[in-house]
Amino acid sequence: MATHDPIDNHEFLSREELERFRALLLEERGKLLQKSAQLVKAGNIELDKNEMLDEVDLASATTEQNLTFKLLDRDRKLLGEIDHALEKIKTGEYGFCEGTGEPIPKRRLEVRPWCRHSVKYKEQLERMKKTGRGVGDEDEL
């Protein structure tokens, strides 16, 4: 994959567009961090089994805790994708497919500003994954 020039020399996104995508990424990052903090603060993570006298209560609380952990893990992965995209803005590589080096359409970036691949390459990855020839893709969020 070819590397691309920094922001001032970006090939297909203007400085204003890059700043808009940067703002979208930072906004989404802030929302995720706030949501995660609220989940932790809500106390859905710790179970006090001494207070759980009823097995149904314990099962319900455990299920809720597992869901909280899944949501936090998904958010953690998405935060990683957002941070990766923010770093790519700094290096001038933002907006280019990591598989082909081609520009990712702006409409796709508007929907998922952290995406790493073009739709065409993403579909290729999915086909490879289904046939057992590919590896897991971090852009599944």
Protein backbone atom coordinates (compact mmCIF):
# COMPACT_ATOMS: atom_id res chain seq x y z
CA MET A 1 0.00 0.00 0.00
CA ALA A 2 1.32 3.41 -0.90
CA THR A 3 1.60 6.12 1.70
CA HIS A 4 0.06 9.48 1.03
CA ASP A 5 1.15 13.04 1.68
CA PRO A 6 0.18 14.82 4.88
CA ILE A 7 -2.96 16.96 5.19
CA ASP A 8 -1.75 19.90 3.08
CA ASN A 9 -0.99 17.62 0.13
CA HIS A 10 -3.93 15.21 0.54
CA GLU A 11 -4.97 13.91 -2.85
CA PHE A 12 -8.75 13.84 -2.70
CA LEU A 13 -9.96 15.36 0.58
CA SER A 14 -9.66 19.06 1.22
CA ARG A 15 -8.29 20.42 4.50
CA GLU A 16 -11.86 21.40 5.46
CA GLU A 17 -13.16 17.89 4.75
CA LEU A 18 -10.37 16.34 6.79
CA GLU A 19 -11.14 18.69 9.68
CA ARG A 20 -14.84 17.78 9.44
CA PHE A 21 -14.00 14.05 9.57
CA ARG A 22 -11.62 14.71 12.46
CA ALA A 23 -14.44 16.51 14.32
CA LEU A 24 -16.86 13.62 13.62
CA LEU A 25 -14.33 11.11 14.94
CA LEU A 26 -13.65 13.16 18.08
CA GLU A 27 -17.38 13.59 18.69
CA GLU A 28 -18.00 9.85 18.37
CA ARG A 29 -15.01 9.14 20.61
CA GLY A 30 -16.41 11.47 23.27
CA LYS A 31 -19.83 9.80 23.11
CA LEU A 32 -18.29 6.34 23.52
CA LEU A 33 -16.18 7.39 26.48
CA GLN A 34 -19.18 9.03 28.15
CA LYS A 35 -21.36 5.97 27.54
CA SER A 36 -18.71 3.64 28.94
CA ALA A 37 -18.29 5.81 32.02
CA GLN A 38 -22.05 5.75 32.58
CA LEU A 39 -22.16 1.95 32.29
CA VAL A 40 -19.38 1.60 34.85
CA LYS A 41 -20.94 4.21 37.14
CA ALA A 42 -24.36 2.53 36.91
CA GLY A 43 -22.84 -0.38 38.79
CA ASN A 44 -23.75 -3.11 36.33
CA ILE A 45 -20.27 -4.56 36.54
CA GLU A 46 -20.01 -5.84 40.11
CA LEU A 47 -22.24 -8.55 41.46
CA ASP A 48 -22.62 -9.01 45.19
CA LYS A 49 -23.63 -12.65 45.43
CA ASN A 50 -24.36 -12.27 49.15
CA GLU A 51 -27.25 -9.96 48.26
CA MET A 52 -28.52 -12.32 45.60
CA LEU A 53 -30.69 -14.66 47.61
CA ASP A 54 -32.72 -15.82 44.65
CA GLU A 55 -31.16 -17.82 41.79
CA VAL A 56 -33.39 -16.01 39.30
CA ASP A 57 -32.13 -12.64 40.55
CA LEU A 58 -28.54 -13.86 40.27
CA ALA A 59 -29.11 -15.20 36.75
CA SER A 60 -30.74 -11.95 35.68
CA ALA A 61 -27.94 -9.86 37.17
CA THR A 62 -25.30 -12.09 35.56
CA THR A 63 -26.99 -11.76 32.17
CA GLU A 64 -27.10 -7.97 32.54
CA GLN A 65 -23.44 -7.95 33.57
CA ASN A 66 -22.45 -10.04 30.55
CA LEU A 67 -24.33 -7.67 28.24
CA THR A 68 -22.54 -4.71 29.84
CA PHE A 69 -19.18 -6.38 29.27
CA LYS A 70 -20.04 -7.08 25.63
CA LEU A 71 -21.08 -3.46 25.09
CA LEU A 72 -17.91 -2.19 26.76
CA ASP A 73 -15.76 -4.52 24.65
CA ARG A 74 -17.47 -3.41 21.44
CA ASP A 75 -16.99 0.22 22.44
CA ARG A 76 -13.33 -0.47 23.27
CA LYS A 77 -12.77 -1.90 19.80
CA LEU A 78 -14.55 1.03 18.16
CA LEU A 79 -12.42 3.47 20.19
CA GLY A 80 -9.37 1.72 18.77
CA GLU A 81 -10.71 2.16 15.24
CA ILE A 82 -11.43 5.84 15.88
CA ASP A 83 -7.96 6.41 17.31
CA HIS A 84 -6.48 4.63 14.28
CA ALA A 85 -8.44 6.91 11.93
CA LEU A 86 -7.35 10.02 13.85
CA GLU A 87 -3.73 8.91 13.54
CA LYS A 88 -4.21 8.39 9.79
CA ILE A 89 -5.46 11.97 9.49
CA LYS A 90 -2.19 13.11 11.09
CA THR A 91 -0.06 11.01 8.73
CA GLY A 92 -2.03 11.90 5.60
CA GLU A 93 -3.23 8.33 5.02
CA TYR A 94 -6.85 8.93 6.04
CA GLY A 95 -9.51 8.06 3.50
CA PHE A 96 -7.48 5.48 1.62
CA CYS A 97 -8.32 1.77 1.63
CA GLU A 98 -5.76 -0.17 3.63
CA GLY A 99 -6.11 -3.09 1.25
CA THR A 100 -5.84 -1.36 -2.12
CA GLY A 101 -4.53 2.12 -1.39
CA GLU A 102 -7.42 3.59 -3.38
CA PRO A 103 -9.57 6.44 -2.04
CA ILE A 104 -12.59 5.39 0.02
CA PRO A 105 -15.70 7.19 -1.27
CA LYS A 106 -16.60 10.23 0.82
CA ARG A 107 -20.16 8.94 1.34
CA ARG A 108 -18.76 5.83 3.04
CA LEU A 109 -16.49 7.96 5.23
CA GLU A 110 -19.46 10.12 6.22
CA VAL A 111 -21.37 7.06 7.43
CA ARG A 112 -18.37 5.35 9.07
CA PRO A 113 -15.53 7.86 9.38
CA TRP A 114 -13.34 5.18 11.01
CA CYS A 115 -13.64 2.65 8.17
CA ARG A 116 -10.39 1.21 6.83
CA HIS A 117 -11.55 -0.33 3.55
CA SER A 118 -13.53 0.45 0.44
CA VAL A 119 -16.79 -1.47 0.02
CA LYS A 120 -15.29 -3.49 -2.83
CA TYR A 121 -12.29 -4.59 -0.75
CA LYS A 122 -14.48 -5.21 2.31
CA GLU A 123 -16.66 -7.54 0.23
CA GLN A 124 -13.53 -9.36 -0.93
CA LEU A 125 -12.45 -9.80 2.71
CA GLU A 126 -15.89 -11.15 3.61
CA ARG A 127 -15.75 -13.70 0.76
CA MET A 128 -12.28 -14.80 1.88
CA LYS A 129 -13.48 -15.09 5.47
CA LYS A 130 -16.46 -17.25 4.44
CA THR A 131 -14.23 -19.61 2.48
CA GLY A 132 -11.75 -19.82 5.35
CA ARG A 133 -8.95 -18.09 3.44
CA GLY A 134 -9.13 -14.76 5.24
CA VAL A 135 -8.49 -13.56 8.71
CA GLY A 136 -10.83 -11.60 10.98
CA ASP A 137 -11.39 -7.99 10.03
CA GLU A 138 -11.24 -5.20 12.58
CA ASP A 139 -13.64 -3.05 10.53
CA GLU A 140 -16.68 -5.15 11.50
CA LEU A 141 -17.96 -2.61 14.02
